[in-house]
C-alpha atoms as a PDB file:
ATOM      1  CA  MET A   1       5.050   0.703   6.336  1.00  0.00           C
ATOM      2  CA  PHE A   2       2.826   1.773   3.497  1.00  0.00           C
ATOM      3  CA  SER A   3      -0.419   0.145   2.423  1.00  0.00           C
ATOM      4  CA  LEU A   4      -1.841   0.553  -1.039  1.00  0.00           C
ATOM      5  CA  SER A   5      -5.581   0.057  -1.336  1.00  0.00           C
ATOM      6  CA  LEU A   6      -7.161   0.775  -4.694  1.00  0.00           C
ATOM      7  CA  TYR A   7     -10.824   0.652  -3.736  1.00  0.00           C
ATOM      8  CA  GLY A   8     -11.205   4.397  -4.176  1.00  0.00           C
ATOM      9  CA  GLU A   9     -10.739   4.375  -7.949  1.00  0.00           C
ATOM     10  CA  ARG A  10     -13.798   4.433 -10.199  1.00  0.00           C
ATOM     11  CA  TRP A  11     -13.984   2.783 -13.602  1.00  0.00           C
ATOM     12  CA  VAL A  12     -16.820   1.910 -15.984  1.00  0.00           C
ATOM     13  CA  ASN A  13     -17.469  -1.187 -18.082  1.00  0.00           C
ATOM     14  CA  MET A  14     -15.354  -3.394 -15.841  1.00  0.00           C
ATOM     15  CA  PRO A  15     -17.310  -6.643 -15.252  1.00  0.00           C
ATOM     16  CA  HIS A  16     -16.037  -8.490 -12.195  1.00  0.00           C
ATOM     17  CA  VAL A  17     -14.690 -12.013 -12.601  1.00  0.00           C
ATOM     18  CA  GLU A  18     -14.104 -14.045  -9.447  1.00  0.00           C
ATOM     19  CA  THR A  19     -10.533 -15.301  -9.166  1.00  0.00           C
ATOM     20  CA  GLN A  20      -8.721 -16.728  -6.183  1.00  0.00           C
ATOM     21  CA  MET A  21      -6.696 -13.788  -5.006  1.00  0.00           C
ATOM     22  CA  ARG A  22      -4.888 -12.970  -1.806  1.00  0.00           C
ATOM     23  CA  ALA A  23      -6.542 -10.411   0.420  1.00  0.00           C
ATOM     24  CA  PHE A  24      -3.201  -8.718   0.897  1.00  0.00           C
ATOM     25  CA  LYS A  25       0.441  -9.210   0.073  1.00  0.00           C
ATOM     26  CA  VAL A  26       3.503  -7.836   1.800  1.00  0.00           C
ATOM     27  CA  ILE A  27       6.082  -6.347  -0.573  1.00  0.00           C
ATOM     28  CA  SER A  28       9.490  -6.062   1.066  1.00  0.00           C
ATOM     29  CA  ASP A  29      11.522  -5.591  -2.115  1.00  0.00           C
ATOM     30  CA  PRO A  30      12.807  -1.978  -2.023  1.00  0.00           C
ATOM     31  CA  LYS A  31      12.163  -1.727  -5.767  1.00  0.00           C
ATOM     32  CA  GLY A  32       8.467  -2.341  -5.214  1.00  0.00           C
ATOM     33  CA  PHE A  33       7.887   1.021  -3.614  1.00  0.00           C
ATOM     34  CA  GLU A  34       9.509   2.803  -6.534  1.00  0.00           C
ATOM     35  CA  VAL A  35       7.573   0.733  -9.073  1.00  0.00           C
ATOM     36  CA  ILE A  36       4.195   1.542  -7.524  1.00  0.00           C
ATOM     37  CA  GLY A  37       5.034   5.235  -7.482  1.00  0.00           C
ATOM     38  CA  ASP A  38       3.997   5.398 -11.142  1.00  0.00           C
ATOM     39  CA  LYS A  39       0.324   6.312 -11.623  1.00  0.00           C
ATOM     40  CA  THR A  40      -0.126   4.143 -14.723  1.00  0.00           C
ATOM     41  CA  ARG A  41       1.126   1.077 -12.848  1.00  0.00           C
ATOM     42  CA  ARG A  42      -1.321   1.757 -10.040  1.00  0.00           C
ATOM     43  CA  ARG A  43      -4.127   1.929 -12.603  1.00  0.00           C
ATOM     44  CA  ILE A  44      -2.964  -1.352 -14.156  1.00  0.00           C
ATOM     45  CA  ILE A  45      -3.064  -3.085 -10.774  1.00  0.00           C
ATOM     46  CA  TYR A  46      -6.552  -1.747 -10.157  1.00  0.00           C
ATOM     47  CA  ILE A  47      -8.085  -3.100 -13.360  1.00  0.00           C
ATOM     48  CA  LEU A  48      -6.223  -6.417 -12.989  1.00  0.00           C
ATOM     49  CA  ARG A  49      -7.947  -6.879  -9.641  1.00  0.00           C
ATOM     50  CA  ALA A  50     -11.263  -6.964 -11.467  1.00  0.00           C
ATOM     51  CA  ARG A  51     -10.440  -9.380 -14.296  1.00  0.00           C
ATOM     52  CA  ASP A  52      -7.631 -11.056 -16.211  1.00  0.00           C
ATOM     53  CA  LEU A  53      -6.514  -8.956 -19.170  1.00  0.00           C
ATOM     54  CA  SER A  54      -3.973  -9.087 -21.969  1.00  0.00           C
ATOM     55  CA  VAL A  55      -1.560  -6.277 -22.749  1.00  0.00           C
ATOM     56  CA  SER A  56      -3.675  -5.110 -25.681  1.00  0.00           C
ATOM     57  CA  GLN A  57      -6.811  -5.057 -23.517  1.00  0.00           C
ATOM     58  CA  ILE A  58      -5.059  -3.075 -20.800  1.00  0.00           C
ATOM     59  CA  ALA A  59      -3.743  -0.644 -23.404  1.00  0.00           C
ATOM     60  CA  GLU A  60      -7.284  -0.154 -24.726  1.00  0.00           C
ATOM     61  CA  GLN A  61      -8.709   0.428 -21.250  1.00  0.00           C
ATOM     62  CA  LEU A  62      -6.056   2.976 -20.290  1.00  0.00           C
ATOM     63  CA  GLN A  63      -5.634   4.572 -23.714  1.00  0.00           C
ATOM     64  CA  VAL A  64      -1.894   3.838 -23.636  1.00  0.00           C
ATOM     65  CA  THR A  65       0.259   2.160 -26.291  1.00  0.00           C
ATOM     66  CA  PRO A  66       0.827  -1.622 -25.913  1.00  0.00           C
ATOM     67  CA  GLN A  67       4.576  -0.995 -25.900  1.00  0.00           C
ATOM     68  CA  ALA A  68       4.229   1.197 -22.814  1.00  0.00           C
ATOM     69  CA  ILE A  69       2.021  -1.399 -21.119  1.00  0.00           C
ATOM     70  CA  TYR A  70       4.595  -4.132 -21.790  1.00  0.00           C
ATOM     71  CA  HIS A  71       7.183  -2.011 -19.999  1.00  0.00           C
ATOM     72  CA  HIS A  72       4.929  -1.466 -16.963  1.00  0.00           C
ATOM     73  CA  ILE A  73       3.846  -5.119 -16.797  1.00  0.00           C
ATOM     74  CA  ARG A  74       7.476  -6.244 -16.774  1.00  0.00           C
ATOM     75  CA  LYS A  75       8.192  -4.004 -13.771  1.00  0.00           C
ATOM     76  CA  LEU A  76       5.111  -5.262 -11.944  1.00  0.00           C
ATOM     77  CA  LEU A  77       6.019  -8.892 -12.651  1.00  0.00           C
ATOM     78  CA  GLU A  78       9.532  -8.385 -11.320  1.00  0.00           C
ATOM     79  CA  THR A  79       8.218  -7.072  -8.009  1.00  0.00           C
ATOM     80  CA  GLY A  80       5.477  -9.681  -7.619  1.00  0.00           C
ATOM     81  CA  MET A  81       2.454  -7.394  -7.889  1.00  0.00           C
ATOM     82  CA  VAL A  82       1.209  -8.952 -11.134  1.00  0.00           C
ATOM     83  CA  GLU A  83       1.332 -12.544 -12.334  1.00  0.00           C
ATOM     84  CA  VAL A  84       0.464 -14.529 -15.435  1.00  0.00           C
ATOM     85  CA  ALA A  85      -3.114 -15.770 -15.094  1.00  0.00           C
ATOM     86  CA  LYS A  86      -3.349 -17.823 -18.298  1.00  0.00           C
ATOM     87  CA  GLU A  87      -2.198 -18.108 -21.891  1.00  0.00           C
ATOM     88  CA  GLU A  88      -4.462 -18.591 -24.912  1.00  0.00           C
ATOM     89  CA  ARG A  89      -3.569 -19.485 -28.476  1.00  0.00           C
ATOM     90  CA  ILE A  90      -5.106 -17.097 -30.991  1.00  0.00           C
ATOM     91  CA  GLY A  91      -4.210 -18.234 -34.510  1.00  0.00           C
ATOM     92  CA  HIS A  92      -0.431 -18.421 -34.655  1.00  0.00           C
ATOM     93  CA  PHE A  93       0.028 -16.245 -31.563  1.00  0.00           C
ATOM     94  CA  ILE A  94      -0.154 -16.936 -27.850  1.00  0.00           C
ATOM     95  CA  GLU A  95      -1.947 -14.236 -25.858  1.00  0.00           C
ATOM     96  CA  THR A  96      -0.868 -13.844 -22.234  1.00  0.00           C
ATOM     97  CA  TYR A  97      -3.359 -12.651 -19.641  1.00  0.00           C
ATOM     98  CA  TYR A  98      -2.327 -11.052 -16.367  1.00  0.00           C
ATOM     99  CA  ARG A  99      -3.901 -10.448 -12.974  1.00  0.00           C
ATOM    100  CA  ALA A 100      -2.991  -8.682  -9.744  1.00  0.00           C
ATOM    101  CA  THR A 101      -1.555 -10.933  -7.043  1.00  0.00           C
ATOM    102  CA  ALA A 102      -3.549  -9.315  -4.210  1.00  0.00           C
ATOM    103  CA  GLU A 103      -6.363  -6.906  -3.445  1.00  0.00           C
ATOM    104  CA  VAL A 104      -4.153  -4.766  -1.213  1.00  0.00           C
ATOM    105  CA  PHE A 105      -0.381  -4.441  -1.056  1.00  0.00           C
ATOM    106  CA  GLU A 106       1.586  -3.436   2.001  1.00  0.00           C
ATOM    107  CA  PHE A 107       5.040  -2.041   1.418  1.00  0.00           C
ATOM    108  CA  GLN A 108       7.466  -2.597   4.245  1.00  0.00           C
ATOM    109  CA  TYR A 109      10.458  -0.506   3.333  1.00  0.00           C
ATOM    110  CA  GLY A 110      11.952  -0.299   6.833  1.00  0.00           C
ATOM    111  CA  GLU A 111      15.657   0.398   6.983  1.00  0.00           C
ATOM    112  CA  ARG A 112      16.325  -1.236   3.626  1.00  0.00           C
ATOM    113  CA  HIS A 113      14.519   1.452   1.711  1.00  0.00           C
ATOM    114  CA  PRO A 114      15.825   4.976   1.158  1.00  0.00           C
ATOM    115  CA  LYS A 115      14.637   7.320   3.862  1.00  0.00           C
ATOM    116  CA  GLU A 116      13.714   9.841   1.179  1.00  0.00           C
ATOM    117  CA  VAL A 117      10.884   7.546   0.027  1.00  0.00           C
ATOM    118  CA  GLY A 118       9.315   7.468   3.477  1.00  0.00           C
ATOM    119  CA  GLU A 119       9.579  11.243   3.730  1.00  0.00           C
ATOM    120  CA  SER A 120       8.016  11.696   0.296  1.00  0.00           C
ATOM    121  CA  GLU A 121       5.060   9.460   1.192  1.00  0.00           C
ATOM    122  CA  THR A 122       4.597  11.228   4.518  1.00  0.00           C
ATOM    123  CA  LYS A 123       4.399  14.581   2.733  1.00  0.00           C
ATOM    124  CA  GLU A 124       1.840  13.140   0.317  1.00  0.00           C
ATOM    125  CA  ALA A 125      -0.227  11.844   3.254  1.00  0.00           C
ATOM    126  CA  ILE A 126      -0.097  15.277   4.884  1.00  0.00           C
ATOM    127  CA  ARG A 127      -1.345  16.897   1.669  1.00  0.00           C
ATOM    128  CA  ALA A 128      -4.217  14.395   1.591  1.00  0.00           C
ATOM    129  CA  LEU A 129      -5.148  15.218   5.199  1.00  0.00           C
ATOM    130  CA  GLU A 130      -5.335  18.892   4.329  1.00  0.00           C
ATOM    131  CA  ARG A 131      -8.075  18.101   1.819  1.00  0.00           C
ATOM    132  CA  VAL A 132     -10.249  16.713   4.628  1.00  0.00           C
ATOM    133  CA  GLY A 133      -9.606  19.617   6.979  1.00  0.00           C
ATOM    134  CA  ILE A 134      -6.646  18.336   9.007  1.00  0.00           C
ATOM    135  CA  VAL A 135      -3.935  20.904   8.338  1.00  0.00           C
ATOM    136  CA  LEU A 136      -0.341  20.294   9.400  1.00  0.00           C
ATOM    137  CA  HIS A 137       2.666  22.586   9.037  1.00  0.00           C
ATOM    138  CA  PRO A 138       5.678  20.331   9.666  1.00  0.00           C
ATOM    139  CA  ASP A 139       9.181  21.321   8.663  1.00  0.00           C
ATOM    140  CA  ASP A 140      11.660  18.923   7.063  1.00  0.00           C
ATOM    141  CA  ASP A 141      13.231  18.022  10.409  1.00  0.00           C
ATOM    142  CA  THR A 142       9.817  17.040  11.793  1.00  0.00           C
ATOM    143  CA  ILE A 143       9.048  14.819   8.829  1.00  0.00           C
ATOM    144  CA  SER A 144      12.486  13.227   9.017  1.00  0.00           C
ATOM    145  CA  ARG A 145      12.021  12.424  12.701  1.00  0.00           C
ATOM    146  CA  TYR A 146       8.514  11.094  12.101  1.00  0.00           C
ATOM    147  CA  VAL A 147       9.822   8.657   9.468  1.00  0.00           C
ATOM    148  CA  GLU A 148      12.546   7.503  11.872  1.00  0.00           C
ATOM    149  CA  LEU A 149       9.928   6.794  14.529  1.00  0.00           C
ATOM    150  CA  THR A 150       7.557   4.924  12.224  1.00  0.00           C
ATOM    151  CA  THR A 151      10.455   2.838  10.896  1.00  0.00           C
ATOM    152  CA  LYS A 152      11.319   1.804  14.462  1.00  0.00           C
ATOM    153  CA  MET A 153       7.649   1.033  15.107  1.00  0.00           C
ATOM    154  CA  GLU A 154       7.636  -1.263  12.094  1.00  0.00           C
ATOM    155  CA  SER A 155      10.659  -3.121  13.452  1.00  0.00           C
ATOM    156  CA  ALA A 156       9.187  -3.535  16.953  1.00  0.00           C
ATOM    157  CA  GLY A 157       7.615  -6.968  17.246  1.00  0.00           C
ATOM    158  CA  ALA A 158       7.753  -7.689  13.520  1.00  0.00           C
ATOM    159  CA  ALA A 159       6.603 -11.219  12.664  1.00  0.00           C
ATOM    160  CA  PRO A 160       7.439 -11.566   8.953  1.00  0.00           C
ATOM    161  CA  GLU A 161       7.069 -15.362   8.831  1.00  0.00           C
ATOM    162  CA  ILE A 162       3.572 -15.262  10.308  1.00  0.00           C
ATOM    163  CA  GLU A 163       2.557 -12.344   8.089  1.00  0.00           C
ATOM    164  CA  GLU A 164       3.819 -14.175   5.012  1.00  0.00           C
ATOM    165  CA  LYS A 165       1.797 -17.281   5.926  1.00  0.00           C
ATOM    166  CA  LEU A 166      -1.316 -15.180   6.421  1.00  0.00           C
ATOM    167  CA  SER A 167      -0.799 -13.463   3.079  1.00  0.00           C
ATOM    168  CA  ASN A 168      -0.773 -16.898   1.409  1.00  0.00           C
ATOM    169  CA  MET A 169      -4.305 -17.718   2.608  1.00  0.00           C
ATOM    170  CA  PRO A 170      -6.637 -16.526  -0.173  1.00  0.00           C
ATOM    171  CA  GLU A 171      -9.630 -18.006   1.655  1.00  0.00           C
ATOM    172  CA  ILE A 172      -9.317 -15.304   4.334  1.00  0.00           C
ATOM    173  CA  GLY A 173     -11.077 -12.046   3.510  1.00  0.00           C
ATOM    174  CA  LEU A 174      -9.321  -8.686   3.445  1.00  0.00           C
ATOM    175  CA  LEU A 175     -10.624  -7.406   6.780  1.00  0.00           C
ATOM    176  CA  GLY A 176     -10.066 -10.756   8.474  1.00  0.00           C
ATOM    177  CA  ALA A 177      -6.499 -10.934   7.200  1.00  0.00           C
ATOM    178  CA  GLN A 178      -5.711  -7.399   8.334  1.00  0.00           C
ATOM    179  CA  HIS A 179      -7.146  -8.092  11.783  1.00  0.00           C
ATOM    180  CA  ALA A 180      -5.214 -11.370  12.036  1.00  0.00           C
ATOM    181  CA  ARG A 181      -1.973  -9.572  11.215  1.00  0.00           C
ATOM    182  CA  LYS A 182      -2.571  -6.936  13.893  1.00  0.00           C
ATOM    183  CA  LEU A 183      -3.375  -9.615  16.457  1.00  0.00           C
ATOM    184  CA  ALA A 184      -0.321 -11.671  15.498  1.00  0.00           C
ATOM    185  CA  ARG A 185       1.986  -8.699  15.892  1.00  0.00           C
ATOM    186  CA  SER A 186       0.466  -7.686  19.218  1.00  0.00           C
ATOM    187  CA  LEU A 187       0.432 -11.207  20.679  1.00  0.00           C
ATOM    188  CA  THR A 188       3.976 -12.110  19.622  1.00  0.00           C
ATOM    189  CA  MET A 189       5.523  -8.944  21.069  1.00  0.00           C
ATOM    190  CA  THR A 190       7.314  -9.203  24.362  1.00  0.00           C
ATOM    191  CA  ASP A 191       6.195  -6.793  27.091  1.00  0.00           C
ATOM    192  CA  LYS A 192       9.340  -4.770  26.469  1.00  0.00           C
ATOM    193  CA  GLN A 193       8.671  -4.575  22.718  1.00  0.00           C
ATOM    194  CA  PHE A 194       5.064  -3.552  23.349  1.00  0.00           C
ATOM    195  CA  GLU A 195       6.114  -0.776  25.724  1.00  0.00           C
ATOM    196  CA  GLU A 196       8.679   0.402  23.178  1.00  0.00           C
ATOM    197  CA  TYR A 197       6.036   0.400  20.434  1.00  0.00           C
ATOM    198  CA  GLN A 198       3.617   2.440  22.536  1.00  0.00           C
ATOM    199  CA  SER A 199       6.357   4.906  23.463  1.00  0.00           C
ATOM    200  CA  LEU A 200       7.282   5.386  19.805  1.00  0.00           C
ATOM    201  CA  GLU A 201       3.634   5.760  18.800  1.00  0.00           C
ATOM    202  CA  ARG A 202       3.032   8.400  21.477  1.00  0.00           C
ATOM    203  CA  GLU A 203       6.128  10.330  20.399  1.00  0.00           C
ATOM    204  CA  ALA A 204       5.140  10.180  16.703  1.00  0.00           C
ATOM    205  CA  ARG A 205       1.599  11.352  17.512  1.00  0.00           C
ATOM    206  CA  ALA A 206       2.806  14.186  19.748  1.00  0.00           C
ATOM    207  CA  LEU A 207       5.304  15.259  17.110  1.00  0.00           C
ATOM    208  CA  LEU A 208       2.652  15.717  14.424  1.00  0.00           C
ATOM    209  CA  ARG A 209       0.029  17.127  16.769  1.00  0.00           C
ATOM    210  CA  SER A 210       2.487  19.871  17.677  1.00  0.00           C
ATOM    211  CA  LYS A 211       2.379  20.911  14.010  1.00  0.00           C
ATOM    212  CA  LEU A 212      -1.406  21.042  13.706  1.00  0.00           C
ATOM    213  CA  ALA A 213      -2.639  24.369  12.430  1.00  0.00           C
ATOM    214  CA  GLU A 214      -4.472  26.359  15.116  1.00  0.00           C
ATOM    215  CA  ARG A 215      -7.612  26.402  12.977  1.00  0.00           C
ATOM    216  CA  THR A 216      -7.640  22.583  12.861  1.00  0.00           C
ATOM    217  CA  GLN A 217      -7.196  22.237  16.612  1.00  0.00           C
ATOM    218  CA  THR A 218      -9.973  24.746  17.334  1.00  0.00           C
ATOM    219  CA  THR A 219     -12.379  23.027  14.930  1.00  0.00           C
ATOM    220  CA  HIS A 220     -11.849  19.607  16.492  1.00  0.00           C
ATOM    221  CA  ARG A 221     -12.136  20.988  20.032  1.00  0.00           C
ATOM    222  CA  ASN A 222     -15.455  22.609  19.127  1.00  0.00           C
ATOM    223  CA  LYS A 223     -16.779  19.323  17.684  1.00  0.00           C
ATOM    224  CA  ALA A 224     -15.724  17.452  20.822  1.00  0.00           C
ATOM    225  CA  THR A 225     -17.701  19.817  23.071  1.00  0.00           C
ATOM    226  CA  ARG A 226     -20.954  19.557  21.115  1.00  0.00           C
END
């Protein structure tokens, strides 16, 4: 599972226009993960969360050619991350405006998605942790095993029908929707599935903790004793 939240980006001159938008959307199409791997497409999704824009307006905001934006928009439309918001006639032309389909996207690649993608994202997450002082030194075998465990965790107690219904409720806020999804998964698990999930989570945690740099472990132990 991979969640994409774009709140961390910072842009100027982006007035906010209220539109009815899902708090989150689950993307299970394997192509979706590859599509969102492009930085320009992530930037497009971010600005289309704020307001409806045409291709020419997006191109101006991102300082990219309209032809390139057309290409990216087509990919985002195909995977359901962008949709047509409206069309306006300007002279003899019809201008199409687009918007993001959700504030946050969750990518469930599971067993249908190449394992290499999960490993690549795990490595990126580890690099991000290093920037906040949590240093890991896992080898390729460790990362491979970690991805296997998290994939099994995703499969344990999965409730795709309920999650899809929740994602189609734009009146529910982001935090409320995320909490509802966690509760739904927990409450619909059998006792056996829940025990399996906890066992997998403990193994995944222990696996990565065994690769913590000594300096990181010492720092956190010192903070805990203060």
